[in-house]
């Protein structure tokens, strides 16, 4: 446990580019469970502090949880009805 606390509190430094870009160290992204393709939200929390939070769509957890639902609704035929 003490290794986790030490790793969480370890600070990494990066420089802001002239285009206002920063590089987030891989160890920080790994610790926050943020990976390529993830969407993130930004907020400020006081002077000089930026909070980055991984965005998770709550509906994504439900996708595929009702097997047979798409076959029962047959969305393609419903879409075709609008075109007639």
C-alpha atoms as a PDB file:
ATOM      1  CA  UNK A   1       0.000   0.000   0.000  1.00  0.00           C
ATOM      2  CA  UNK A   2       2.766   2.466   0.791  1.00  0.00           C
ATOM      3  CA  UNK A   3       4.102   2.014  -2.773  1.00  0.00           C
ATOM      4  CA  UNK A   4       0.728   3.079  -4.175  1.00  0.00           C
ATOM      5  CA  UNK A   5       0.619   6.192  -2.003  1.00  0.00           C
ATOM      6  CA  UNK A   6       4.159   7.113  -2.984  1.00  0.00           C
ATOM      7  CA  UNK A   7       3.377   6.630  -6.691  1.00  0.00           C
ATOM      8  CA  UNK A   8       0.177   8.698  -6.457  1.00  0.00           C
ATOM      9  CA  UNK A   9       1.918  11.574  -4.761  1.00  0.00           C
ATOM     10  CA  UNK A  10       4.917  11.569  -7.053  1.00  0.00           C
ATOM     11  CA  UNK A  11       4.857  14.677  -9.203  1.00  0.00           C
ATOM     12  CA  UNK A  12       5.897  14.795 -12.811  1.00  0.00           C
ATOM     13  CA  UNK A  13       6.711  17.981 -14.657  1.00  0.00           C
ATOM     14  CA  UNK A  14       5.918  19.077 -18.202  1.00  0.00           C
ATOM     15  CA  UNK A  15       6.197  22.386 -20.021  1.00  0.00           C
ATOM     16  CA  UNK A  16       3.366  24.208 -21.812  1.00  0.00           C
ATOM     17  CA  UNK A  17       4.216  24.727 -25.485  1.00  0.00           C
ATOM     18  CA  UNK A  18       3.625  27.976 -27.362  1.00  0.00           C
ATOM     19  CA  UNK A  19       0.478  26.311 -28.757  1.00  0.00           C
ATOM     20  CA  UNK A  20      -0.800  25.713 -25.189  1.00  0.00           C
ATOM     21  CA  UNK A  21      -0.136  21.972 -25.380  1.00  0.00           C
ATOM     22  CA  UNK A  22       1.272  19.763 -22.652  1.00  0.00           C
ATOM     23  CA  UNK A  23       2.510  16.193 -22.534  1.00  0.00           C
ATOM     24  CA  UNK A  24       1.057  14.138 -19.718  1.00  0.00           C
ATOM     25  CA  UNK A  25       3.534  11.501 -18.501  1.00  0.00           C
ATOM     26  CA  UNK A  26       2.486   7.906 -19.228  1.00  0.00           C
ATOM     27  CA  UNK A  27       2.784   6.948 -15.536  1.00  0.00           C
ATOM     28  CA  UNK A  28       0.214   9.607 -14.633  1.00  0.00           C
ATOM     29  CA  UNK A  29      -2.193   8.467 -17.362  1.00  0.00           C
ATOM     30  CA  UNK A  30      -1.771   4.836 -16.286  1.00  0.00           C
ATOM     31  CA  UNK A  31      -2.490   5.704 -12.657  1.00  0.00           C
ATOM     32  CA  UNK A  32      -5.664   7.571 -13.730  1.00  0.00           C
ATOM     33  CA  UNK A  33      -6.711   4.695 -16.026  1.00  0.00           C
ATOM     34  CA  UNK A  34      -6.733   7.022 -19.049  1.00  0.00           C
ATOM     35  CA  UNK A  35      -5.658   5.551 -22.363  1.00  0.00           C
ATOM     36  CA  UNK A  36      -5.583   6.293 -26.088  1.00  0.00           C
ATOM     37  CA  UNK A  37      -9.015   7.169 -27.426  1.00  0.00           C
ATOM     38  CA  UNK A  38     -10.485   8.044 -24.024  1.00  0.00           C
ATOM     39  CA  UNK A  39     -12.357  11.324 -23.763  1.00  0.00           C
ATOM     40  CA  UNK A  40     -11.488  13.620 -20.873  1.00  0.00           C
ATOM     41  CA  UNK A  41     -13.180  16.574 -19.192  1.00  0.00           C
ATOM     42  CA  UNK A  42     -11.250  19.572 -17.881  1.00  0.00           C
ATOM     43  CA  UNK A  43     -12.054  21.797 -14.903  1.00  0.00           C
ATOM     44  CA  UNK A  44     -10.172  24.222 -12.712  1.00  0.00           C
ATOM     45  CA  UNK A  45      -9.818  23.791  -8.999  1.00  0.00           C
ATOM     46  CA  UNK A  46      -8.130  26.869  -7.639  1.00  0.00           C
ATOM     47  CA  UNK A  47      -5.228  28.953  -8.851  1.00  0.00           C
ATOM     48  CA  UNK A  48      -2.908  26.937 -11.055  1.00  0.00           C
ATOM     49  CA  UNK A  49      -4.748  23.637 -10.691  1.00  0.00           C
ATOM     50  CA  UNK A  50      -6.411  21.790 -13.580  1.00  0.00           C
ATOM     51  CA  UNK A  51      -8.494  18.676 -12.973  1.00  0.00           C
ATOM     52  CA  UNK A  52      -8.626  16.132 -15.799  1.00  0.00           C
ATOM     53  CA  UNK A  53     -11.333  13.467 -15.509  1.00  0.00           C
ATOM     54  CA  UNK A  54     -11.921  10.534 -17.819  1.00  0.00           C
ATOM     55  CA  UNK A  55     -15.372  10.858 -19.405  1.00  0.00           C
ATOM     56  CA  UNK A  56     -17.516   7.740 -19.255  1.00  0.00           C
ATOM     57  CA  UNK A  57     -20.878   7.571 -20.968  1.00  0.00           C
ATOM     58  CA  UNK A  58     -23.204   5.874 -18.463  1.00  0.00           C
ATOM     59  CA  UNK A  59     -25.145   4.276 -21.319  1.00  0.00           C
ATOM     60  CA  UNK A  60     -22.018   2.500 -22.564  1.00  0.00           C
ATOM     61  CA  UNK A  61     -22.232   0.067 -19.657  1.00  0.00           C
ATOM     62  CA  UNK A  62     -25.732  -0.905 -20.794  1.00  0.00           C
ATOM     63  CA  UNK A  63     -24.820  -1.664 -24.411  1.00  0.00           C
ATOM     64  CA  UNK A  64     -25.294  -5.351 -25.036  1.00  0.00           C
ATOM     65  CA  UNK A  65     -26.932  -5.971 -21.663  1.00  0.00           C
ATOM     66  CA  UNK A  66     -30.291  -6.912 -23.259  1.00  0.00           C
ATOM     67  CA  UNK A  67     -29.549  -9.678 -25.774  1.00  0.00           C
ATOM     68  CA  UNK A  68     -32.034  -9.898 -28.616  1.00  0.00           C
ATOM     69  CA  UNK A  69     -33.288  -6.348 -28.176  1.00  0.00           C
ATOM     70  CA  UNK A  70     -31.994  -5.104 -31.516  1.00  0.00           C
ATOM     71  CA  UNK A  71     -33.443  -8.107 -33.349  1.00  0.00           C
ATOM     72  CA  UNK A  72     -36.812  -7.554 -31.688  1.00  0.00           C
ATOM     73  CA  UNK A  73     -36.987  -3.901 -32.687  1.00  0.00           C
ATOM     74  CA  UNK A  74     -35.498  -4.312 -36.201  1.00  0.00           C
ATOM     75  CA  UNK A  75     -34.310  -0.723 -36.430  1.00  0.00           C
ATOM     76  CA  UNK A  76     -33.503  -0.960 -40.139  1.00  0.00           C
ATOM     77  CA  UNK A  77     -37.147  -1.639 -41.067  1.00  0.00           C
ATOM     78  CA  UNK A  78     -38.280   1.202 -38.825  1.00  0.00           C
ATOM     79  CA  UNK A  79     -35.889   3.563 -40.609  1.00  0.00           C
ATOM     80  CA  UNK A  80     -37.160   2.362 -43.971  1.00  0.00           C
ATOM     81  CA  UNK A  81     -40.723   3.292 -43.011  1.00  0.00           C
ATOM     82  CA  UNK A  82     -39.745   6.961 -42.852  1.00  0.00           C
ATOM     83  CA  UNK A  83     -38.379   6.892 -46.384  1.00  0.00           C
ATOM     84  CA  UNK A  84     -41.636   5.562 -47.912  1.00  0.00           C
END
